[in-house]
């Protein structure tokens, strides 16, 4: 859980004022491709999922683990698709190129 919290905190700190709870383009929005964002596009979501995975493991109940991880994963994957559509619409080929260089959540996998 601690690893997940740290990943989310680092991701939010790296984005600075561009980190929002809503899918939004802020004034002077830029593509961030440093730190964790160099290899994955959505480290804050990864941090949340790792935190929930850890909580599920701590509860020592496979049903809880499944619920705590699977439902948020489905929601995060939907939000990622909405967010990426907005970013491609705003940045065009620059964001499409960034998508080709990085993975959504897990470096080298997904």
PDB file of N, CA and C in Angstrom:
ATOM      1  N   UNK A   1       0.824  -1.191   0.000  1.00  0.00           N
ATOM      2  CA  UNK A   1       0.000   0.000   0.000  1.00  0.00           C
ATOM      3  C   UNK A   1       0.872   1.260   0.000  1.00  0.00           C
ATOM      4  N   UNK A   2       1.944   1.213   0.757  1.00  0.00           N
ATOM      5  CA  UNK A   2       2.833   2.372   0.850  1.00  0.00           C
ATOM      6  C   UNK A   2       3.450   2.692  -0.504  1.00  0.00           C
ATOM      7  N   UNK A   3       3.848   1.665  -1.238  1.00  0.00           N
ATOM      8  CA  UNK A   3       4.414   1.875  -2.572  1.00  0.00           C
ATOM      9  C   UNK A   3       3.392   2.574  -3.468  1.00  0.00           C
ATOM     10  N   UNK A   4       2.157   2.116  -3.448  1.00  0.00           N
ATOM     11  CA  UNK A   4       1.109   2.725  -4.263  1.00  0.00           C
ATOM     12  C   UNK A   4       0.865   4.181  -3.902  1.00  0.00           C
ATOM     13  N   UNK A   5       0.830   4.463  -2.610  1.00  0.00           N
ATOM     14  CA  UNK A   5       0.629   5.847  -2.159  1.00  0.00           C
ATOM     15  C   UNK A   5       1.781   6.719  -2.624  1.00  0.00           C
ATOM     16  N   UNK A   6       3.003   6.211  -2.519  1.00  0.00           N
ATOM     17  CA  UNK A   6       4.181   6.981  -2.964  1.00  0.00           C
ATOM     18  C   UNK A   6       4.157   7.225  -4.466  1.00  0.00           C
ATOM     19  N   UNK A   7       3.799   6.204  -5.241  1.00  0.00           N
ATOM     20  CA  UNK A   7       3.723   6.366  -6.700  1.00  0.00           C
ATOM     21  C   UNK A   7       2.698   7.441  -7.056  1.00  0.00           C
ATOM     22  N   UNK A   8       1.529   7.390  -6.426  1.00  0.00           N
ATOM     23  CA  UNK A   8       0.495   8.390  -6.716  1.00  0.00           C
ATOM     24  C   UNK A   8       0.962   9.783  -6.314  1.00  0.00           C
ATOM     25  N   UNK A   9       1.602   9.911  -5.161  1.00  0.00           N
ATOM     26  CA  UNK A   9       2.076  11.203  -4.702  1.00  0.00           C
ATOM     27  C   UNK A   9       3.128  11.769  -5.658  1.00  0.00           C
ATOM     28  N   UNK A  10       4.069  10.935  -6.071  1.00  0.00           N
ATOM     29  CA  UNK A  10       5.118  11.381  -7.002  1.00  0.00           C
ATOM     30  C   UNK A  10       4.502  11.805  -8.337  1.00  0.00           C
ATOM     31  N   UNK A  11       3.529  11.035  -8.815  1.00  0.00           N
ATOM     32  CA  UNK A  11       2.866  11.374 -10.083  1.00  0.00           C
ATOM     33  C   UNK A  11       2.164  12.722  -9.985  1.00  0.00           C
ATOM     34  N   UNK A  12       1.438  12.939  -8.894  1.00  0.00           N
ATOM     35  CA  UNK A  12       0.734  14.209  -8.712  1.00  0.00           C
ATOM     36  C   UNK A  12       1.719  15.366  -8.588  1.00  0.00           C
ATOM     37  N   UNK A  13       2.790  15.156  -7.843  1.00  0.00           N
ATOM     38  CA  UNK A  13       3.796  16.213  -7.684  1.00  0.00           C
ATOM     39  C   UNK A  13       4.467  16.545  -9.009  1.00  0.00           C
ATOM     40  N   UNK A  14       4.701  15.530  -9.834  1.00  0.00           N
ATOM     41  CA  UNK A  14       5.326  15.760 -11.134  1.00  0.00           C
ATOM     42  C   UNK A  14       4.425  16.591 -12.036  1.00  0.00           C
ATOM     43  N   UNK A  15       3.130  16.331 -11.993  1.00  0.00           N
ATOM     44  CA  UNK A  15       2.194  17.106 -12.817  1.00  0.00           C
ATOM     45  C   UNK A  15       1.970  18.516 -12.285  1.00  0.00           C
ATOM     46  N   UNK A  16       2.142  18.698 -10.999  1.00  0.00           N
ATOM     47  CA  UNK A  16       1.929  20.020 -10.411  1.00  0.00           C
ATOM     48  C   UNK A  16       0.499  20.491 -10.592  1.00  0.00           C
ATOM     49  N   UNK A  17       0.335  21.700 -11.079  1.00  0.00           N
ATOM     50  CA  UNK A  17      -1.019  22.269 -11.218  1.00  0.00           C
ATOM     51  C   UNK A  17      -1.826  21.618 -12.335  1.00  0.00           C
ATOM     52  N   UNK A  18      -1.190  20.804 -13.147  1.00  0.00           N
ATOM     53  CA  UNK A  18      -1.918  20.083 -14.193  1.00  0.00           C
ATOM     54  C   UNK A  18      -2.659  18.872 -13.626  1.00  0.00           C
ATOM     55  N   UNK A  19      -2.360  18.496 -12.375  1.00  0.00           N
ATOM     56  CA  UNK A  19      -3.049  17.373 -11.742  1.00  0.00           C
ATOM     57  C   UNK A  19      -4.423  17.855 -11.287  1.00  0.00           C
ATOM     58  N   UNK A  20      -5.465  17.249 -11.828  1.00  0.00           N
ATOM     59  CA  UNK A  20      -6.835  17.603 -11.457  1.00  0.00           C
ATOM     60  C   UNK A  20      -7.625  16.327 -11.185  1.00  0.00           C
ATOM     61  N   UNK A  21      -8.712  16.457 -10.422  1.00  0.00           N
ATOM     62  CA  UNK A  21      -9.547  15.285 -10.180  1.00  0.00           C
ATOM     63  C   UNK A  21     -10.509  15.042 -11.333  1.00  0.00           C
ATOM     64  N   UNK A  22     -10.751  16.072 -12.129  1.00  0.00           N
ATOM     65  CA  UNK A  22     -11.601  15.951 -13.315  1.00  0.00           C
ATOM     66  C   UNK A  22     -10.721  15.838 -14.547  1.00  0.00           C
ATOM     67  N   UNK A  23     -11.231  15.212 -15.590  1.00  0.00           N
ATOM     68  CA  UNK A  23     -10.521  15.208 -16.865  1.00  0.00           C
ATOM     69  C   UNK A  23     -10.669  16.620 -17.427  1.00  0.00           C
ATOM     70  N   UNK A  24      -9.545  17.348 -17.471  1.00  0.00           N
ATOM     71  CA  UNK A  24      -9.603  18.745 -17.898  1.00  0.00           C
ATOM     72  C   UNK A  24      -8.256  19.166 -18.487  1.00  0.00           C
ATOM     73  N   UNK A  25      -8.335  20.070 -19.434  1.00  0.00           N
ATOM     74  CA  UNK A  25      -7.144  20.712 -19.976  1.00  0.00           C
ATOM     75  C   UNK A  25      -7.029  22.054 -19.270  1.00  0.00           C
ATOM     76  N   UNK A  26      -5.885  22.293 -18.624  1.00  0.00           N
ATOM     77  CA  UNK A  26      -5.691  23.539 -17.894  1.00  0.00           C
ATOM     78  C   UNK A  26      -4.955  24.549 -18.762  1.00  0.00           C
ATOM     79  N   UNK A  27      -4.948  25.797 -18.341  1.00  0.00           N
ATOM     80  CA  UNK A  27      -4.234  26.845 -19.053  1.00  0.00           C
ATOM     81  C   UNK A  27      -2.759  26.470 -19.169  1.00  0.00           C
ATOM     82  N   UNK A  28      -2.212  26.638 -20.354  1.00  0.00           N
ATOM     83  CA  UNK A  28      -0.814  26.319 -20.650  1.00  0.00           C
ATOM     84  C   UNK A  28      -0.485  24.848 -20.373  1.00  0.00           C
ATOM     85  N   UNK A  29      -1.442  23.993 -20.621  1.00  0.00           N
ATOM     86  CA  UNK A  29      -1.260  22.551 -20.416  1.00  0.00           C
ATOM     87  C   UNK A  29      -0.135  22.048 -21.320  1.00  0.00           C
ATOM     88  N   UNK A  30       0.721  21.176 -20.778  1.00  0.00           N
ATOM     89  CA  UNK A  30       1.825  20.608 -21.537  1.00  0.00           C
ATOM     90  C   UNK A  30       1.855  19.098 -21.331  1.00  0.00           C
ATOM     91  N   UNK A  31       2.427  18.401 -22.288  1.00  0.00           N
ATOM     92  CA  UNK A  31       2.640  16.966 -22.129  1.00  0.00           C
ATOM     93  C   UNK A  31       3.832  16.786 -21.195  1.00  0.00           C
ATOM     94  N   UNK A  32       3.624  16.051 -20.115  1.00  0.00           N
ATOM     95  CA  UNK A  32       4.688  15.781 -19.155  1.00  0.00           C
ATOM     96  C   UNK A  32       5.280  14.416 -19.490  1.00  0.00           C
ATOM     97  N   UNK A  33       6.570  14.395 -19.782  1.00  0.00           N
ATOM     98  CA  UNK A  33       7.223  13.122 -20.118  1.00  0.00           C
ATOM     99  C   UNK A  33       8.532  12.943 -19.338  1.00  0.00           C
ATOM    100  N   UNK A  34       8.498  13.402 -18.092  1.00  0.00           N
ATOM    101  CA  UNK A  34       9.660  13.239 -17.212  1.00  0.00           C
ATOM    102  C   UNK A  34       9.251  12.398 -16.011  1.00  0.00           C
ATOM    103  N   UNK A  35      10.242  11.915 -15.287  1.00  0.00           N
ATOM    104  CA  UNK A  35       9.961  11.099 -14.112  1.00  0.00           C
ATOM    105  C   UNK A  35       9.217   9.832 -14.489  1.00  0.00           C
ATOM    106  N   UNK A  36       8.221   9.469 -13.711  1.00  0.00           N
ATOM    107  CA  UNK A  36       7.425   8.271 -13.992  1.00  0.00           C
ATOM    108  C   UNK A  36       6.741   8.352 -15.349  1.00  0.00           C
ATOM    109  N   UNK A  37       6.431   9.567 -15.787  1.00  0.00           N
ATOM    110  CA  UNK A  37       5.723   9.772 -17.056  1.00  0.00           C
ATOM    111  C   UNK A  37       6.606   9.481 -18.266  1.00  0.00           C
ATOM    112  N   UNK A  38       7.880   9.231 -18.056  1.00  0.00           N
ATOM    113  CA  UNK A  38       8.774   8.885 -19.156  1.00  0.00           C
ATOM    114  C   UNK A  38       8.437   7.489 -19.703  1.00  0.00           C
ATOM    115  N   UNK A  39       7.930   6.609 -18.835  1.00  0.00           N
ATOM    116  CA  UNK A  39       7.649   5.237 -19.260  1.00  0.00           C
ATOM    117  C   UNK A  39       6.168   4.864 -19.217  1.00  0.00           C
ATOM    118  N   UNK A  40       5.400   5.503 -18.333  1.00  0.00           N
ATOM    119  CA  UNK A  40       3.963   5.211 -18.284  1.00  0.00           C
ATOM    120  C   UNK A  40       3.165   6.506 -18.297  1.00  0.00           C
ATOM    121  N   UNK A  41       1.994   6.446 -18.920  1.00  0.00           N
ATOM    122  CA  UNK A  41       1.176   7.646 -19.089  1.00  0.00           C
ATOM    123  C   UNK A  41       0.301   7.957 -17.883  1.00  0.00           C
ATOM    124  N   UNK A  42       0.000   6.972 -17.059  1.00  0.00           N
ATOM    125  CA  UNK A  42      -0.954   7.187 -15.970  1.00  0.00           C
ATOM    126  C   UNK A  42      -0.453   6.618 -14.641  1.00  0.00           C
ATOM    127  N   UNK A  43       0.695   7.121 -14.148  1.00  0.00           N
ATOM    128  CA  UNK A  43       1.230   6.582 -12.902  1.00  0.00           C
ATOM    129  C   UNK A  43       0.352   6.845 -11.676  1.00  0.00           C
ATOM    130  N   UNK A  44      -0.417   7.919 -11.677  1.00  0.00           N
ATOM    131  CA  UNK A  44      -1.299   8.181 -10.532  1.00  0.00           C
ATOM    132  C   UNK A  44      -2.358   7.085 -10.412  1.00  0.00           C
ATOM    133  N   UNK A  45      -2.897   6.652 -11.544  1.00  0.00           N
ATOM    134  CA  UNK A  45      -3.879   5.570 -11.518  1.00  0.00           C
ATOM    135  C   UNK A  45      -3.203   4.266 -11.097  1.00  0.00           C
ATOM    136  N   UNK A  46      -1.993   4.040 -11.574  1.00  0.00           N
ATOM    137  CA  UNK A  46      -1.245   2.856 -11.160  1.00  0.00           C
ATOM    138  C   UNK A  46      -1.052   2.876  -9.644  1.00  0.00           C
ATOM    139  N   UNK A  47      -0.707   4.033  -9.098  1.00  0.00           N
ATOM    140  CA  UNK A  47      -0.521   4.156  -7.652  1.00  0.00           C
ATOM    141  C   UNK A  47      -1.780   3.801  -6.884  1.00  0.00           C
ATOM    142  N   UNK A  48      -2.916   4.267  -7.358  1.00  0.00           N
ATOM    143  CA  UNK A  48      -4.189   3.938  -6.710  1.00  0.00           C
ATOM    144  C   UNK A  48      -4.444   2.437  -6.763  1.00  0.00           C
ATOM    145  N   UNK A  49      -4.229   1.843  -7.919  1.00  0.00           N
ATOM    146  CA  UNK A  49      -4.481   0.407  -8.073  1.00  0.00           C
ATOM    147  C   UNK A  49      -3.540  -0.425  -7.207  1.00  0.00           C
ATOM    148  N   UNK A  50      -2.276  -0.036  -7.115  1.00  0.00           N
ATOM    149  CA  UNK A  50      -1.322  -0.753  -6.261  1.00  0.00           C
ATOM    150  C   UNK A  50      -1.738  -0.620  -4.792  1.00  0.00           C
ATOM    151  N   UNK A  51      -2.193   0.560  -4.401  1.00  0.00           N
ATOM    152  CA  UNK A  51      -2.672   0.769  -3.034  1.00  0.00           C
ATOM    153  C   UNK A  51      -3.849  -0.148  -2.719  1.00  0.00           C
ATOM    154  N   UNK A  52      -4.804  -0.213  -3.638  1.00  0.00           N
ATOM    155  CA  UNK A  52      -5.974  -1.067  -3.422  1.00  0.00           C
ATOM    156  C   UNK A  52      -5.602  -2.543  -3.423  1.00  0.00           C
ATOM    157  N   UNK A  53      -4.654  -2.926  -4.269  1.00  0.00           N
ATOM    158  CA  UNK A  53      -4.157  -4.304  -4.289  1.00  0.00           C
ATOM    159  C   UNK A  53      -3.563  -4.638  -2.915  1.00  0.00           C
ATOM    160  N   UNK A  54      -2.756  -3.726  -2.395  1.00  0.00           N
ATOM    161  CA  UNK A  54      -2.155  -3.930  -1.077  1.00  0.00           C
ATOM    162  C   UNK A  54      -3.193  -4.038   0.026  1.00  0.00           C
ATOM    163  N   UNK A  55      -4.226  -3.211  -0.051  1.00  0.00           N
ATOM    164  CA  UNK A  55      -5.307  -3.284   0.936  1.00  0.00           C
ATOM    165  C   UNK A  55      -6.005  -4.628   0.853  1.00  0.00           C
ATOM    166  N   UNK A  56      -6.280  -5.077  -0.356  1.00  0.00           N
ATOM    167  CA  UNK A  56      -6.920  -6.379  -0.538  1.00  0.00           C
ATOM    168  C   UNK A  56      -6.074  -7.509   0.025  1.00  0.00           C
ATOM    169  N   UNK A  57      -4.763  -7.442  -0.191  1.00  0.00           N
ATOM    170  CA  UNK A  57      -3.868  -8.453   0.372  1.00  0.00           C
ATOM    171  C   UNK A  57      -3.842  -8.378   1.896  1.00  0.00           C
ATOM    172  N   UNK A  58      -3.843  -7.168   2.434  1.00  0.00           N
ATOM    173  CA  UNK A  58      -3.814  -6.994   3.890  1.00  0.00           C
ATOM    174  C   UNK A  58      -5.068  -7.575   4.550  1.00  0.00           C
ATOM    175  N   UNK A  59      -6.183  -7.529   3.854  1.00  0.00           N
ATOM    176  CA  UNK A  59      -7.430  -8.061   4.404  1.00  0.00           C
ATOM    177  C   UNK A  59      -7.468  -9.590   4.369  1.00  0.00           C
ATOM    178  N   UNK A  60      -6.525 -10.187   3.627  1.00  0.00           N
ATOM    179  CA  UNK A  60      -6.411 -11.645   3.534  1.00  0.00           C
ATOM    180  C   UNK A  60      -7.722 -12.314   3.138  1.00  0.00           C
ATOM    181  N   UNK A  61      -8.404 -11.695   2.189  1.00  0.00           N
ATOM    182  CA  UNK A  61      -9.670 -12.233   1.711  1.00  0.00           C
ATOM    183  C   UNK A  61      -9.685 -12.059   0.196  1.00  0.00           C
ATOM    184  N   UNK A  62      -9.720 -13.169  -0.536  1.00  0.00           N
ATOM    185  CA  UNK A  62      -9.639 -13.119  -1.993  1.00  0.00           C
ATOM    186  C   UNK A  62     -10.816 -12.390  -2.617  1.00  0.00           C
ATOM    187  N   UNK A  63     -11.996 -12.493  -2.035  1.00  0.00           N
ATOM    188  CA  UNK A  63     -13.161 -11.781  -2.571  1.00  0.00           C
ATOM    189  C   UNK A  63     -12.970 -10.269  -2.416  1.00  0.00           C
ATOM    190  N   UNK A  64     -12.501  -9.871  -1.246  1.00  0.00           N
ATOM    191  CA  UNK A  64     -12.214  -8.444  -1.041  1.00  0.00           C
ATOM    192  C   UNK A  64     -11.154  -7.954  -2.014  1.00  0.00           C
ATOM    193  N   UNK A  65     -10.111  -8.752  -2.198  1.00  0.00           N
ATOM    194  CA  UNK A  65      -9.050  -8.388  -3.131  1.00  0.00           C
ATOM    195  C   UNK A  65      -9.614  -8.196  -4.534  1.00  0.00           C
ATOM    196  N   UNK A  66     -10.453  -9.128  -4.957  1.00  0.00           N
ATOM    197  CA  UNK A  66     -11.064  -9.041  -6.284  1.00  0.00           C
ATOM    198  C   UNK A  66     -11.910  -7.784  -6.422  1.00  0.00           C
ATOM    199  N   UNK A  67     -12.752  -7.529  -5.443  1.00  0.00           N
ATOM    200  CA  UNK A  67     -13.638  -6.362  -5.495  1.00  0.00           C
ATOM    201  C   UNK A  67     -12.836  -5.068  -5.417  1.00  0.00           C
ATOM    202  N   UNK A  68     -11.884  -5.008  -4.488  1.00  0.00           N
ATOM    203  CA  UNK A  68     -11.088  -3.788  -4.311  1.00  0.00           C
ATOM    204  C   UNK A  68     -10.221  -3.466  -5.513  1.00  0.00           C
ATOM    205  N   UNK A  69      -9.873  -4.476  -6.310  1.00  0.00           N
ATOM    206  CA  UNK A  69      -9.001  -4.240  -7.446  1.00  0.00           C
ATOM    207  C   UNK A  69      -9.762  -4.208  -8.767  1.00  0.00           C
ATOM    208  N   UNK A  70     -10.636  -5.164  -9.001  1.00  0.00           N
ATOM    209  CA  UNK A  70     -11.283  -5.300 -10.309  1.00  0.00           C
ATOM    210  C   UNK A  70     -12.227  -4.142 -10.630  1.00  0.00           C
ATOM    211  N   UNK A  71     -13.036  -3.746  -9.677  1.00  0.00           N
ATOM    212  CA  UNK A  71     -13.978  -2.654  -9.957  1.00  0.00           C
ATOM    213  C   UNK A  71     -13.256  -1.327 -10.224  1.00  0.00           C
ATOM    214  N   UNK A  72     -12.313  -0.928  -9.379  1.00  0.00           N
ATOM    215  CA  UNK A  72     -11.566   0.291  -9.696  1.00  0.00           C
ATOM    216  C   UNK A  72     -10.756   0.178 -10.991  1.00  0.00           C
ATOM    217  N   UNK A  73     -10.226  -1.009 -11.293  1.00  0.00           N
ATOM    218  CA  UNK A  73      -9.491  -1.181 -12.545  1.00  0.00           C
ATOM    219  C   UNK A  73     -10.393  -0.884 -13.732  1.00  0.00           C
ATOM    220  N   UNK A  74     -11.609  -1.408 -13.712  1.00  0.00           N
ATOM    221  CA  UNK A  74     -12.557  -1.143 -14.806  1.00  0.00           C
ATOM    222  C   UNK A  74     -12.847   0.351 -14.907  1.00  0.00           C
ATOM    223  N   UNK A  75     -13.067   0.995 -13.774  1.00  0.00           N
ATOM    224  CA  UNK A  75     -13.327   2.438 -13.782  1.00  0.00           C
ATOM    225  C   UNK A  75     -12.131   3.236 -14.269  1.00  0.00           C
ATOM    226  N   UNK A  76     -10.943   2.859 -13.844  1.00  0.00           N
ATOM    227  CA  UNK A  76      -9.729   3.567 -14.271  1.00  0.00           C
ATOM    228  C   UNK A  76      -9.487   3.387 -15.770  1.00  0.00           C
ATOM    229  N   UNK A  77      -9.709   2.183 -16.276  1.00  0.00           N
ATOM    230  CA  UNK A  77      -9.514   1.959 -17.716  1.00  0.00           C
ATOM    231  C   UNK A  77     -10.480   2.807 -18.539  1.00  0.00           C
ATOM    232  N   UNK A  78     -11.705   2.949 -18.060  1.00  0.00           N
ATOM    233  CA  UNK A  78     -12.661   3.820 -18.757  1.00  0.00           C
ATOM    234  C   UNK A  78     -12.184   5.272 -18.697  1.00  0.00           C
ATOM    235  N   UNK A  79     -11.791   5.722 -17.515  1.00  0.00           N
ATOM    236  CA  UNK A  79     -11.332   7.105 -17.364  1.00  0.00           C
ATOM    237  C   UNK A  79     -10.095   7.374 -18.215  1.00  0.00           C
ATOM    238  N   UNK A  80      -9.194   6.403 -18.294  1.00  0.00           N
ATOM    239  CA  UNK A  80      -8.006   6.551 -19.131  1.00  0.00           C
ATOM    240  C   UNK A  80      -8.409   6.768 -20.585  1.00  0.00           C
ATOM    241  N   UNK A  81      -9.393   6.016 -21.066  1.00  0.00           N
ATOM    242  CA  UNK A  81      -9.828   6.185 -22.462  1.00  0.00           C
ATOM    243  C   UNK A  81     -10.417   7.574 -22.687  1.00  0.00           C
ATOM    244  N   UNK A  82     -11.186   8.068 -21.731  1.00  0.00           N
ATOM    245  CA  UNK A  82     -11.762   9.421 -21.841  1.00  0.00           C
ATOM    246  C   UNK A  82     -10.648  10.460 -21.816  1.00  0.00           C
ATOM    247  N   UNK A  83      -9.731  10.299 -20.886  1.00  0.00           N
ATOM    248  CA  UNK A  83      -8.626  11.252 -20.743  1.00  0.00           C
ATOM    249  C   UNK A  83      -7.736  11.272 -21.983  1.00  0.00           C
ATOM    250  N   UNK A  84      -7.427  10.092 -22.507  1.00  0.00           N
ATOM    251  CA  UNK A  84      -6.555  10.043 -23.680  1.00  0.00           C
ATOM    252  C   UNK A  84      -7.229  10.627 -24.917  1.00  0.00           C
ATOM    253  N   UNK A  85      -8.522  10.441 -25.057  1.00  0.00           N
ATOM    254  CA  UNK A  85      -9.243  11.085 -26.173  1.00  0.00           C
ATOM    255  C   UNK A  85      -9.139  12.600 -26.073  1.00  0.00           C
ATOM    256  N   UNK A  86      -9.321  13.132 -24.863  1.00  0.00           N
ATOM    257  CA  UNK A  86      -9.230  14.581 -24.662  1.00  0.00           C
ATOM    258  C   UNK A  86      -7.827  15.090 -24.962  1.00  0.00           C
ATOM    259  N   UNK A  87      -6.812  14.347 -24.539  1.00  0.00           N
ATOM    260  CA  UNK A  87      -5.438  14.781 -24.771  1.00  0.00           C
ATOM    261  C   UNK A  87      -5.040  14.696 -26.244  1.00  0.00           C
ATOM    262  N   UNK A  88      -5.491  13.651 -26.936  1.00  0.00           N
ATOM    263  CA  UNK A  88      -5.220  13.560 -28.377  1.00  0.00           C
ATOM    264  C   UNK A  88      -5.939  14.694 -29.099  1.00  0.00           C
ATOM    265  N   UNK A  89      -7.153  15.000 -28.683  1.00  0.00           N
ATOM    266  CA  UNK A  89      -7.894  16.100 -29.309  1.00  0.00           C
ATOM    267  C   UNK A  89      -7.183  17.430 -29.095  1.00  0.00           C
ATOM    268  N   UNK A  90      -6.630  17.631 -27.910  1.00  0.00           N
ATOM    269  CA  UNK A  90      -5.957  18.895 -27.589  1.00  0.00           C
ATOM    270  C   UNK A  90      -4.552  18.986 -28.206  1.00  0.00           C
ATOM    271  N   UNK A  91      -3.757  17.908 -28.070  1.00  0.00           N
ATOM    272  CA  UNK A  91      -2.359  17.954 -28.502  1.00  0.00           C
ATOM    273  C   UNK A  91      -2.095  17.345 -29.872  1.00  0.00           C
ATOM    274  N   UNK A  92      -3.050  16.589 -30.401  1.00  0.00           N
ATOM    275  CA  UNK A  92      -2.890  15.989 -31.718  1.00  0.00           C
ATOM    276  C   UNK A  92      -1.766  14.971 -31.776  1.00  0.00           C
ATOM    277  N   UNK A  93      -0.940  15.068 -32.803  1.00  0.00           N
ATOM    278  CA  UNK A  93       0.106  14.074 -33.040  1.00  0.00           C
ATOM    279  C   UNK A  93       1.168  14.062 -31.942  1.00  0.00           C
ATOM    280  N   UNK A  94       1.358  15.166 -31.232  1.00  0.00           N
ATOM    281  CA  UNK A  94       2.349  15.186 -30.151  1.00  0.00           C
ATOM    282  C   UNK A  94       1.958  14.180 -29.065  1.00  0.00           C
ATOM    283  N   UNK A  95       0.673  14.117 -28.731  1.00  0.00           N
ATOM    284  CA  UNK A  95       0.253  13.146 -27.720  1.00  0.00           C
ATOM    285  C   UNK A  95       0.216  11.738 -28.307  1.00  0.00           C
ATOM    286  N   UNK A  96      -0.172  11.617 -29.555  1.00  0.00           N
ATOM    287  CA  UNK A  96      -0.156  10.297 -30.206  1.00  0.00           C
ATOM    288  C   UNK A  96       1.254   9.725 -30.220  1.00  0.00           C
ATOM    289  N   UNK A  97       2.245  10.556 -30.491  1.00  0.00           N
ATOM    290  CA  UNK A  97       3.642  10.117 -30.456  1.00  0.00           C
ATOM    291  C   UNK A  97       4.048   9.696 -29.046  1.00  0.00           C
ATOM    292  N   UNK A  98       3.610  10.456 -28.047  1.00  0.00           N
ATOM    293  CA  UNK A  98       3.888  10.113 -26.651  1.00  0.00           C
ATOM    294  C   UNK A  98       3.265   8.759 -26.303  1.00  0.00           C
ATOM    295  N   UNK A  99       2.068   8.510 -26.802  1.00  0.00           N
ATOM    296  CA  UNK A  99       1.391   7.229 -26.558  1.00  0.00           C
ATOM    297  C   UNK A  99       2.178   6.065 -27.157  1.00  0.00           C
ATOM    298  N   UNK A 100       2.814   6.299 -28.291  1.00  0.00           N
ATOM    299  CA  UNK A 100       3.603   5.240 -28.937  1.00  0.00           C
ATOM    300  C   UNK A 100       4.871   4.914 -28.144  1.00  0.00           C
ATOM    301  N   UNK A 101       5.406   5.896 -27.425  1.00  0.00           N
ATOM    302  CA  UNK A 101       6.652   5.715 -26.666  1.00  0.00           C
ATOM    303  C   UNK A 101       6.429   5.139 -25.269  1.00  0.00           C
ATOM    304  N   UNK A 102       5.193   5.157 -24.790  1.00  0.00           N
ATOM    305  CA  UNK A 102       4.921   4.786 -23.394  1.00  0.00           C
ATOM    306  C   UNK A 102       3.807   3.752 -23.307  1.00  0.00           C
ATOM    307  N   UNK A 103       3.682   3.161 -22.147  1.00  0.00           N
ATOM    308  CA  UNK A 103       2.574   2.247 -21.849  1.00  0.00           C
ATOM    309  C   UNK A 103       1.568   2.953 -20.958  1.00  0.00           C
ATOM    310  N   UNK A 104       0.361   2.447 -20.913  1.00  0.00           N
ATOM    311  CA  UNK A 104      -0.662   3.089 -20.087  1.00  0.00           C
ATOM    312  C   UNK A 104      -0.358   2.987 -18.590  1.00  0.00           C
ATOM    313  N   UNK A 105      -0.137   1.767 -18.105  1.00  0.00           N
ATOM    314  CA  UNK A 105      -0.018   1.563 -16.666  1.00  0.00           C
ATOM    315  C   UNK A 105       1.220   0.797 -16.209  1.00  0.00           C
ATOM    316  N   UNK A 106       1.654  -0.179 -16.990  1.00  0.00           N
ATOM    317  CA  UNK A 106       2.762  -1.039 -16.566  1.00  0.00           C
ATOM    318  C   UNK A 106       3.848  -0.999 -17.635  1.00  0.00           C
ATOM    319  N   UNK A 107       5.042  -0.505 -17.276  1.00  0.00           N
ATOM    320  CA  UNK A 107       6.110  -0.409 -18.282  1.00  0.00           C
ATOM    321  C   UNK A 107       6.362  -1.732 -18.988  1.00  0.00           C
ATOM    322  N   UNK A 108       6.390  -1.687 -20.316  1.00  0.00           N
ATOM    323  CA  UNK A 108       6.678  -2.855 -21.109  1.00  0.00           C
ATOM    324  C   UNK A 108       5.541  -3.862 -21.249  1.00  0.00           C
ATOM    325  N   UNK A 109       4.389  -3.604 -20.587  1.00  0.00           N
ATOM    326  CA  UNK A 109       3.298  -4.585 -20.600  1.00  0.00           C
ATOM    327  C   UNK A 109       1.988  -3.978 -21.097  1.00  0.00           C
ATOM    328  N   UNK A 110       1.467  -3.027 -20.375  1.00  0.00           N
ATOM    329  CA  UNK A 110       0.118  -2.487 -20.644  1.00  0.00           C
ATOM    330  C   UNK A 110       0.134  -0.986 -20.681  1.00  0.00           C
TER     331      UNK A 110
END
